[in-house]
Amino acid sequence: MSGRPRRALLVAFAHAAIGLAAACNPVNSDARTALGDEVGGVNPGPLHRPGQPCLVCHDGKIGDPVEFAVAGTLFVTAEARDPLPDAVVT
């Protein structure tokens, strides 16, 4: 194997190792585990896991779910903790 293919293989391996290390971050893994399971009857989507820390999963490290720059839940009222559907934040 000549130098150029070997170098490309080494770079690809390094990128994969860095990606795997980021995905296996024990702090993030513990945070994901602490969230527990999805609530029964609630499909993953814009209203799943209301009030939970969205960026724990939506950090772009595992590719799906996608990375969010800003995330959170808007509630109709703070007391009722009912998510506000179809809200648009600009």
PDB file of N, CA and C in Angstrom:
ATOM      1  N   MET A   1       0.851  -1.169   0.000  1.00  0.00           N
ATOM      2  CA  MET A   1       0.000   0.000   0.000  1.00  0.00           C
ATOM      3  C   MET A   1       0.892   1.225   0.000  1.00  0.00           C
ATOM      4  N   SER A   2       0.679   2.127  -0.943  1.00  0.00           N
ATOM      5  CA  SER A   2       1.517   3.322  -1.020  1.00  0.00           C
ATOM      6  C   SER A   2       1.131   4.306   0.077  1.00  0.00           C
ATOM      7  N   GLY A   3       1.894   5.381   0.203  1.00  0.00           N
ATOM      8  CA  GLY A   3       1.699   6.365   1.263  1.00  0.00           C
ATOM      9  C   GLY A   3       0.353   7.067   1.226  1.00  0.00           C
ATOM     10  N   ARG A   4      -0.111   7.419   0.021  1.00  0.00           N
ATOM     11  CA  ARG A   4      -1.350   8.199  -0.080  1.00  0.00           C
ATOM     12  C   ARG A   4      -2.576   7.392   0.358  1.00  0.00           C
ATOM     13  N   PRO A   5      -2.825   6.173  -0.119  1.00  0.00           N
ATOM     14  CA  PRO A   5      -3.980   5.407   0.376  1.00  0.00           C
ATOM     15  C   PRO A   5      -3.874   5.092   1.864  1.00  0.00           C
ATOM     16  N   ARG A   6      -2.665   4.829   2.330  1.00  0.00           N
ATOM     17  CA  ARG A   6      -2.477   4.542   3.756  1.00  0.00           C
ATOM     18  C   ARG A   6      -2.843   5.767   4.594  1.00  0.00           C
ATOM     19  N   ARG A   7      -2.428   6.946   4.144  1.00  0.00           N
ATOM     20  CA  ARG A   7      -2.727   8.182   4.858  1.00  0.00           C
ATOM     21  C   ARG A   7      -4.237   8.428   4.852  1.00  0.00           C
ATOM     22  N   ALA A   8      -4.891   8.200   3.718  1.00  0.00           N
ATOM     23  CA  ALA A   8      -6.340   8.382   3.640  1.00  0.00           C
ATOM     24  C   ALA A   8      -7.057   7.422   4.577  1.00  0.00           C
ATOM     25  N   LEU A   9      -6.579   6.196   4.652  1.00  0.00           N
ATOM     26  CA  LEU A   9      -7.168   5.212   5.549  1.00  0.00           C
ATOM     27  C   LEU A   9      -6.963   5.626   7.004  1.00  0.00           C
ATOM     28  N   LEU A  10      -5.788   6.125   7.329  1.00  0.00           N
ATOM     29  CA  LEU A  10      -5.494   6.575   8.684  1.00  0.00           C
ATOM     30  C   LEU A  10      -6.382   7.769   9.066  1.00  0.00           C
ATOM     31  N   VAL A  11      -6.559   8.704   8.156  1.00  0.00           N
ATOM     32  CA  VAL A  11      -7.421   9.862   8.414  1.00  0.00           C
ATOM     33  C   VAL A  11      -8.867   9.414   8.607  1.00  0.00           C
ATOM     34  N   ALA A  12      -9.331   8.501   7.772  1.00  0.00           N
ATOM     35  CA  ALA A  12     -10.702   7.994   7.909  1.00  0.00           C
ATOM     36  C   ALA A  12     -10.871   7.283   9.252  1.00  0.00           C
ATOM     37  N   PHE A  13      -9.894   6.499   9.648  1.00  0.00           N
ATOM     38  CA  PHE A  13      -9.955   5.804  10.934  1.00  0.00           C
ATOM     39  C   PHE A  13      -9.970   6.799  12.087  1.00  0.00           C
ATOM     40  N   ALA A  14      -9.157   7.838  12.006  1.00  0.00           N
ATOM     41  CA  ALA A  14      -9.107   8.855  13.063  1.00  0.00           C
ATOM     42  C   ALA A  14     -10.447   9.569  13.187  1.00  0.00           C
ATOM     43  N   HIS A  15     -11.055   9.917  12.058  1.00  0.00           N
ATOM     44  CA  HIS A  15     -12.368  10.574  12.085  1.00  0.00           C
ATOM     45  C   HIS A  15     -13.414   9.653  12.700  1.00  0.00           C
ATOM     46  N   ALA A  16     -13.386   8.392  12.356  1.00  0.00           N
ATOM     47  CA  ALA A  16     -14.341   7.436  12.920  1.00  0.00           C
ATOM     48  C   ALA A  16     -14.131   7.292  14.418  1.00  0.00           C
ATOM     49  N   ALA A  17     -12.886   7.231  14.853  1.00  0.00           N
ATOM     50  CA  ALA A  17     -12.593   7.095  16.287  1.00  0.00           C
ATOM     51  C   ALA A  17     -13.055   8.318  17.061  1.00  0.00           C
ATOM     52  N   ILE A  18     -12.851   9.511  16.505  1.00  0.00           N
ATOM     53  CA  ILE A  18     -13.302  10.737  17.166  1.00  0.00           C
ATOM     54  C   ILE A  18     -14.820  10.757  17.244  1.00  0.00           C
ATOM     55  N   GLY A  19     -15.476  10.387  16.166  1.00  0.00           N
ATOM     56  CA  GLY A  19     -16.941  10.340  16.167  1.00  0.00           C
ATOM     57  C   GLY A  19     -17.480   9.341  17.170  1.00  0.00           C
ATOM     58  N   LEU A  20     -16.852   8.185  17.242  1.00  0.00           N
ATOM     59  CA  LEU A  20     -17.275   7.159  18.198  1.00  0.00           C
ATOM     60  C   LEU A  20     -17.051   7.630  19.625  1.00  0.00           C
ATOM     61  N   ALA A  21     -15.932   8.274  19.874  1.00  0.00           N
ATOM     62  CA  ALA A  21     -15.654   8.782  21.226  1.00  0.00           C
ATOM     63  C   ALA A  21     -16.681   9.833  21.622  1.00  0.00           C
ATOM     64  N   ALA A  22     -17.068  10.693  20.694  1.00  0.00           N
ATOM     65  CA  ALA A  22     -18.076  11.712  21.001  1.00  0.00           C
ATOM     66  C   ALA A  22     -19.429  11.073  21.270  1.00  0.00           C
ATOM     67  N   ALA A  23     -19.775  10.068  20.505  1.00  0.00           N
ATOM     68  CA  ALA A  23     -21.070   9.399  20.690  1.00  0.00           C
ATOM     69  C   ALA A  23     -21.101   8.592  21.975  1.00  0.00           C
ATOM     70  N   CYS A  24     -19.953   8.166  22.466  1.00  0.00           N
ATOM     71  CA  CYS A  24     -19.879   7.340  23.673  1.00  0.00           C
ATOM     72  C   CYS A  24     -19.499   8.158  24.900  1.00  0.00           C
ATOM     73  N   ASN A  25     -19.725   9.447  24.869  1.00  0.00           N
ATOM     74  CA  ASN A  25     -19.431  10.320  25.993  1.00  0.00           C
ATOM     75  C   ASN A  25     -20.206   9.831  27.214  1.00  0.00           C
ATOM     76  N   PRO A  26     -19.529   9.408  28.283  1.00  0.00           N
ATOM     77  CA  PRO A  26     -20.251   8.848  29.434  1.00  0.00           C
ATOM     78  C   PRO A  26     -21.163   9.848  30.129  1.00  0.00           C
ATOM     79  N   VAL A  27     -20.808  11.119  30.143  1.00  0.00           N
ATOM     80  CA  VAL A  27     -21.672  12.124  30.766  1.00  0.00           C
ATOM     81  C   VAL A  27     -22.964  12.231  29.975  1.00  0.00           C
ATOM     82  N   ASN A  28     -22.847  12.327  28.641  1.00  0.00           N
ATOM     83  CA  ASN A  28     -24.042  12.418  27.802  1.00  0.00           C
ATOM     84  C   ASN A  28     -24.845  11.133  27.868  1.00  0.00           C
ATOM     85  N   SER A  29     -24.165  10.004  27.883  1.00  0.00           N
ATOM     86  CA  SER A  29     -24.852   8.724  27.956  1.00  0.00           C
ATOM     87  C   SER A  29     -25.651   8.614  29.254  1.00  0.00           C
ATOM     88  N   ASP A  30     -25.065   9.046  30.370  1.00  0.00           N
ATOM     89  CA  ASP A  30     -25.773   9.029  31.649  1.00  0.00           C
ATOM     90  C   ASP A  30     -26.968   9.965  31.618  1.00  0.00           C
ATOM     91  N   ALA A  31     -26.817  11.125  30.990  1.00  0.00           N
ATOM     92  CA  ALA A  31     -27.925  12.087  30.896  1.00  0.00           C
ATOM     93  C   ALA A  31     -29.067  11.509  30.063  1.00  0.00           C
ATOM     94  N   ARG A  32     -28.731  10.821  28.977  1.00  0.00           N
ATOM     95  CA  ARG A  32     -29.770  10.189  28.152  1.00  0.00           C
ATOM     96  C   ARG A  32     -30.486   9.095  28.922  1.00  0.00           C
ATOM     97  N   THR A  33     -29.740   8.286  29.653  1.00  0.00           N
ATOM     98  CA  THR A  33     -30.327   7.215  30.446  1.00  0.00           C
ATOM     99  C   THR A  33     -31.253   7.792  31.513  1.00  0.00           C
ATOM    100  N   ALA A  34     -30.848   8.896  32.125  1.00  0.00           N
ATOM    101  CA  ALA A  34     -31.648   9.518  33.180  1.00  0.00           C
ATOM    102  C   ALA A  34     -32.991  10.030  32.659  1.00  0.00           C
ATOM    103  N   LEU A  35     -33.089  10.310  31.357  1.00  0.00           N
ATOM    104  CA  LEU A  35     -34.365  10.772  30.799  1.00  0.00           C
ATOM    105  C   LEU A  35     -35.428   9.681  30.853  1.00  0.00           C
ATOM    106  N   GLY A  36     -35.001   8.445  30.828  1.00  0.00           N
ATOM    107  CA  GLY A  36     -35.960   7.345  30.846  1.00  0.00           C
ATOM    108  C   GLY A  36     -36.599   7.134  29.483  1.00  0.00           C
ATOM    109  N   ASP A  37     -37.645   6.312  29.477  1.00  0.00           N
ATOM    110  CA  ASP A  37     -38.335   5.989  28.225  1.00  0.00           C
ATOM    111  C   ASP A  37     -39.282   7.100  27.813  1.00  0.00           C
ATOM    112  N   GLU A  38     -39.657   7.063  26.539  1.00  0.00           N
ATOM    113  CA  GLU A  38     -40.685   7.978  26.042  1.00  0.00           C
ATOM    114  C   GLU A  38     -41.987   7.693  26.780  1.00  0.00           C
ATOM    115  N   VAL A  39     -42.825   8.707  26.914  1.00  0.00           N
ATOM    116  CA  VAL A  39     -44.141   8.528  27.518  1.00  0.00           C
ATOM    117  C   VAL A  39     -44.990   7.722  26.544  1.00  0.00           C
ATOM    118  N   GLY A  40     -45.685   6.719  27.047  1.00  0.00           N
ATOM    119  CA  GLY A  40     -46.531   5.885  26.201  1.00  0.00           C
ATOM    120  C   GLY A  40     -47.582   6.700  25.462  1.00  0.00           C
ATOM    121  N   GLY A  41     -47.778   6.389  24.193  1.00  0.00           N
ATOM    122  CA  GLY A  41     -48.791   7.062  23.387  1.00  0.00           C
ATOM    123  C   GLY A  41     -48.349   8.387  22.791  1.00  0.00           C
ATOM    124  N   VAL A  42     -47.135   8.821  23.078  1.00  0.00           N
ATOM    125  CA  VAL A  42     -46.629  10.075  22.512  1.00  0.00           C
ATOM    126  C   VAL A  42     -45.587   9.724  21.460  1.00  0.00           C
ATOM    127  N   ASN A  43     -45.888  10.037  20.221  1.00  0.00           N
ATOM    128  CA  ASN A  43     -44.955   9.747  19.141  1.00  0.00           C
ATOM    129  C   ASN A  43     -43.796  10.731  19.159  1.00  0.00           C
ATOM    130  N   PRO A  44     -42.583  10.260  18.849  1.00  0.00           N
ATOM    131  CA  PRO A  44     -41.477  11.207  18.726  1.00  0.00           C
ATOM    132  C   PRO A  44     -41.841  12.288  17.708  1.00  0.00           C
ATOM    133  N   GLY A  45     -41.570  13.496  18.047  1.00  0.00           N
ATOM    134  CA  GLY A  45     -41.896  14.630  17.194  1.00  0.00           C
ATOM    135  C   GLY A  45     -41.768  15.908  17.995  1.00  0.00           C
ATOM    136  N   PRO A  46     -42.293  16.983  17.493  1.00  0.00           N
ATOM    137  CA  PRO A  46     -42.085  18.282  18.134  1.00  0.00           C
ATOM    138  C   PRO A  46     -42.630  18.388  19.559  1.00  0.00           C
ATOM    139  N   LEU A  47     -43.571  17.551  19.920  1.00  0.00           N
ATOM    140  CA  LEU A  47     -44.155  17.661  21.258  1.00  0.00           C
ATOM    141  C   LEU A  47     -43.740  16.545  22.210  1.00  0.00           C
ATOM    142  N   HIS A  48     -42.775  15.714  21.811  1.00  0.00           N
ATOM    143  CA  HIS A  48     -42.382  14.642  22.724  1.00  0.00           C
ATOM    144  C   HIS A  48     -41.449  15.188  23.803  1.00  0.00           C
ATOM    145  N   ARG A  49     -41.494  14.572  24.957  1.00  0.00           N
ATOM    146  CA  ARG A  49     -40.658  14.915  26.107  1.00  0.00           C
ATOM    147  C   ARG A  49     -40.755  16.383  26.522  1.00  0.00           C
ATOM    148  N   PRO A  50     -41.949  16.937  26.678  1.00  0.00           N
ATOM    149  CA  PRO A  50     -42.055  18.351  27.060  1.00  0.00           C
ATOM    150  C   PRO A  50     -41.383  18.626  28.399  1.00  0.00           C
ATOM    151  N   GLY A  51     -40.626  19.712  28.434  1.00  0.00           N
ATOM    152  CA  GLY A  51     -39.960  20.122  29.660  1.00  0.00           C
ATOM    153  C   GLY A  51     -38.643  19.438  29.929  1.00  0.00           C
ATOM    154  N   GLN A  52     -38.277  18.462  29.127  1.00  0.00           N
ATOM    155  CA  GLN A  52     -36.996  17.787  29.324  1.00  0.00           C
ATOM    156  C   GLN A  52     -35.912  18.507  28.520  1.00  0.00           C
ATOM    157  N   PRO A  53     -34.646  18.304  28.863  1.00  0.00           N
ATOM    158  CA  PRO A  53     -33.543  19.002  28.192  1.00  0.00           C
ATOM    159  C   PRO A  53     -33.302  18.476  26.770  1.00  0.00           C
ATOM    160  N   CYS A  54     -33.833  19.168  25.792  1.00  0.00           N
ATOM    161  CA  CYS A  54     -33.804  18.735  24.386  1.00  0.00           C
ATOM    162  C   CYS A  54     -32.381  18.485  23.875  1.00  0.00           C
ATOM    163  N   LEU A  55     -31.448  19.317  24.318  1.00  0.00           N
ATOM    164  CA  LEU A  55     -30.096  19.245  23.764  1.00  0.00           C
ATOM    165  C   LEU A  55     -29.311  18.034  24.250  1.00  0.00           C
ATOM    166  N   VAL A  56     -29.837  17.284  25.205  1.00  0.00           N
ATOM    167  CA  VAL A  56     -29.176  16.052  25.610  1.00  0.00           C
ATOM    168  C   VAL A  56     -29.139  15.085  24.423  1.00  0.00           C
ATOM    169  N   CYS A  57     -30.240  14.984  23.693  1.00  0.00           N
ATOM    170  CA  CYS A  57     -30.291  14.086  22.535  1.00  0.00           C
ATOM    171  C   CYS A  57     -30.038  14.817  21.219  1.00  0.00           C
ATOM    172  N   HIS A  58     -30.533  16.025  21.104  1.00  0.00           N
ATOM    173  CA  HIS A  58     -30.429  16.773  19.850  1.00  0.00           C
ATOM    174  C   HIS A  58     -29.121  17.556  19.808  1.00  0.00           C
ATOM    175  N   ASP A  59     -28.007  16.845  19.945  1.00  0.00           N
ATOM    176  CA  ASP A  59     -26.693  17.481  19.980  1.00  0.00           C
ATOM    177  C   ASP A  59     -25.876  17.234  18.717  1.00  0.00           C
ATOM    178  N   GLY A  60     -26.445  16.504  17.761  1.00  0.00           N
ATOM    179  CA  GLY A  60     -25.754  16.240  16.503  1.00  0.00           C
ATOM    180  C   GLY A  60     -24.681  15.175  16.595  1.00  0.00           C
ATOM    181  N   LYS A  61     -24.483  14.573  17.748  1.00  0.00           N
ATOM    182  CA  LYS A  61     -23.404  13.596  17.916  1.00  0.00           C
ATOM    183  C   LYS A  61     -23.726  12.243  17.294  1.00  0.00           C
ATOM    184  N   ILE A  62     -24.995  11.858  17.294  1.00  0.00           N
ATOM    185  CA  ILE A  62     -25.322  10.540  16.749  1.00  0.00           C
ATOM    186  C   ILE A  62     -26.043  10.628  15.415  1.00  0.00           C
ATOM    187  N   GLY A  63     -26.258  11.851  14.897  1.00  0.00           N
ATOM    188  CA  GLY A  63     -26.829  12.012  13.562  1.00  0.00           C
ATOM    189  C   GLY A  63     -28.339  12.007  13.514  1.00  0.00           C
ATOM    190  N   ASP A  64     -28.975  11.269  14.367  1.00  0.00           N
ATOM    191  CA  ASP A  64     -30.432  11.260  14.397  1.00  0.00           C
ATOM    192  C   ASP A  64     -30.835  11.033  15.837  1.00  0.00           C
ATOM    193  N   PRO A  65     -31.402  11.975  16.498  1.00  0.00           N
ATOM    194  CA  PRO A  65     -32.055  13.172  15.981  1.00  0.00           C
ATOM    195  C   PRO A  65     -31.045  14.247  15.582  1.00  0.00           C
ATOM    196  N   VAL A  66     -31.544  15.178  14.789  1.00  0.00           N
ATOM    197  CA  VAL A  66     -30.681  16.232  14.259  1.00  0.00           C
ATOM    198  C   VAL A  66     -30.216  17.167  15.373  1.00  0.00           C
ATOM    199  N   GLU A  67     -29.182  17.933  15.081  1.00  0.00           N
ATOM    200  CA  GLU A  67     -28.639  18.879  16.049  1.00  0.00           C
ATOM    201  C   GLU A  67     -29.505  20.127  16.111  1.00  0.00           C
ATOM    202  N   PHE A  68     -29.802  20.578  17.318  1.00  0.00           N
ATOM    203  CA  PHE A  68     -30.511  21.838  17.541  1.00  0.00           C
ATOM    204  C   PHE A  68     -29.509  22.844  18.095  1.00  0.00           C
ATOM    205  N   ALA A  69     -29.632  24.110  17.684  1.00  0.00           N
ATOM    206  CA  ALA A  69     -28.810  25.173  18.263  1.00  0.00           C
ATOM    207  C   ALA A  69     -29.474  25.698  19.532  1.00  0.00           C
ATOM    208  N   VAL A  70     -30.787  25.803  19.498  1.00  0.00           N
ATOM    209  CA  VAL A  70     -31.583  26.267  20.631  1.00  0.00           C
ATOM    210  C   VAL A  70     -32.791  25.352  20.706  1.00  0.00           C
ATOM    211  N   ALA A  71     -33.191  24.966  21.908  1.00  0.00           N
ATOM    212  CA  ALA A  71     -34.338  24.075  22.032  1.00  0.00           C
ATOM    213  C   ALA A  71     -34.994  24.259  23.393  1.00  0.00           C
ATOM    214  N   GLY A  72     -36.241  23.909  23.457  1.00  0.00           N
ATOM    215  CA  GLY A  72     -36.967  23.986  24.716  1.00  0.00           C
ATOM    216  C   GLY A  72     -38.439  23.756  24.460  1.00  0.00           C
ATOM    217  N   THR A  73     -39.233  23.914  25.507  1.00  0.00           N
ATOM    218  CA  THR A  73     -40.665  23.708  25.411  1.00  0.00           C
ATOM    219  C   THR A  73     -41.375  24.991  25.795  1.00  0.00           C
ATOM    220  N   LEU A  74     -42.322  25.403  24.975  1.00  0.00           N
ATOM    221  CA  LEU A  74     -43.202  26.512  25.335  1.00  0.00           C
ATOM    222  C   LEU A  74     -44.465  25.910  25.925  1.00  0.00           C
ATOM    223  N   PHE A  75     -44.858  26.410  27.076  1.00  0.00           N
ATOM    224  CA  PHE A  75     -46.048  25.911  27.737  1.00  0.00           C
ATOM    225  C   PHE A  75     -47.166  26.932  27.664  1.00  0.00           C
ATOM    226  N   VAL A  76     -48.407  26.448  27.638  1.00  0.00           N
ATOM    227  CA  VAL A  76     -49.582  27.327  27.658  1.00  0.00           C
ATOM    228  C   VAL A  76     -49.542  28.144  28.947  1.00  0.00           C
ATOM    229  N   THR A  77     -49.347  27.491  30.085  1.00  0.00           N
ATOM    230  CA  THR A  77     -49.135  28.159  31.367  1.00  0.00           C
ATOM    231  C   THR A  77     -48.079  27.374  32.125  1.00  0.00           C
ATOM    232  N   ALA A  78     -47.385  28.035  33.006  1.00  0.00           N
ATOM    233  CA  ALA A  78     -46.353  27.363  33.784  1.00  0.00           C
ATOM    234  C   ALA A  78     -46.966  26.370  34.756  1.00  0.00           C
ATOM    235  N   GLU A  79     -48.144  26.681  35.255  1.00  0.00           N
ATOM    236  CA  GLU A  79     -48.780  25.816  36.237  1.00  0.00           C
ATOM    237  C   GLU A  79     -49.274  24.512  35.619  1.00  0.00           C
ATOM    238  N   ALA A  80     -49.933  24.604  34.467  1.00  0.00           N
ATOM    239  CA  ALA A  80     -50.543  23.420  33.853  1.00  0.00           C
ATOM    240  C   ALA A  80     -49.512  22.544  33.160  1.00  0.00           C
ATOM    241  N   ARG A  81     -48.399  23.134  32.740  1.00  0.00           N
ATOM    242  CA  ARG A  81     -47.347  22.416  32.030  1.00  0.00           C
ATOM    243  C   ARG A  81     -47.862  21.710  30.774  1.00  0.00           C
ATOM    244  N   ASP A  82     -48.843  22.344  30.107  1.00  0.00           N
ATOM    245  CA  ASP A  82     -49.340  21.814  28.823  1.00  0.00           C
ATOM    246  C   ASP A  82     -48.504  22.455  27.715  1.00  0.00           C
ATOM    247  N   PRO A  83     -47.901  21.642  26.857  1.00  0.00           N
ATOM    248  CA  PRO A  83     -47.118  22.215  25.754  1.00  0.00           C
ATOM    249  C   PRO A  83     -48.001  23.056  24.834  1.00  0.00           C
ATOM    250  N   LEU A  84     -47.456  24.148  24.336  1.00  0.00           N
ATOM    251  CA  LEU A  84     -48.146  25.036  23.409  1.00  0.00           C
ATOM    252  C   LEU A  84     -47.916  24.514  21.998  1.00  0.00           C
ATOM    253  N   PRO A  85     -48.964  23.948  21.354  1.00  0.00           N
ATOM    254  CA  PRO A  85     -48.777  23.391  20.011  1.00  0.00           C
ATOM    255  C   PRO A  85     -48.679  24.492  18.950  1.00  0.00           C
ATOM    256  N   ASP A  86     -47.965  24.216  17.903  1.00  0.00           N
ATOM    257  CA  ASP A  86     -47.859  25.091  16.729  1.00  0.00           C
ATOM    258  C   ASP A  86     -47.289  26.476  17.030  1.00  0.00           C
ATOM    259  N   ALA A  87     -46.504  26.613  18.073  1.00  0.00           N
ATOM    260  CA  ALA A  87     -45.872  27.905  18.391  1.00  0.00           C
ATOM    261  C   ALA A  87     -44.715  28.140  17.433  1.00  0.00           C
ATOM    262  N   VAL A  88     -44.502  29.383  17.091  1.00  0.00           N
ATOM    263  CA  VAL A  88     -43.390  29.755  16.223  1.00  0.00           C
ATOM    264  C   VAL A  88     -42.557  30.784  16.968  1.00  0.00           C
ATOM    265  N   VAL A  89     -41.266  30.517  17.112  1.00  0.00           N
ATOM    266  CA  VAL A  89     -40.353  31.437  17.778  1.00  0.00           C
ATOM    267  C   VAL A  89     -39.464  32.029  16.703  1.00  0.00           C
ATOM    268  N   THR A  90     -39.396  33.350  16.659  1.00  0.00           N
ATOM    269  CA  THR A  90     -38.544  34.026  15.668  1.00  0.00           C
ATOM    270  C   THR A  90     -37.555  34.934  16.359  1.00  0.00           C
TER     271      THR A  90
END
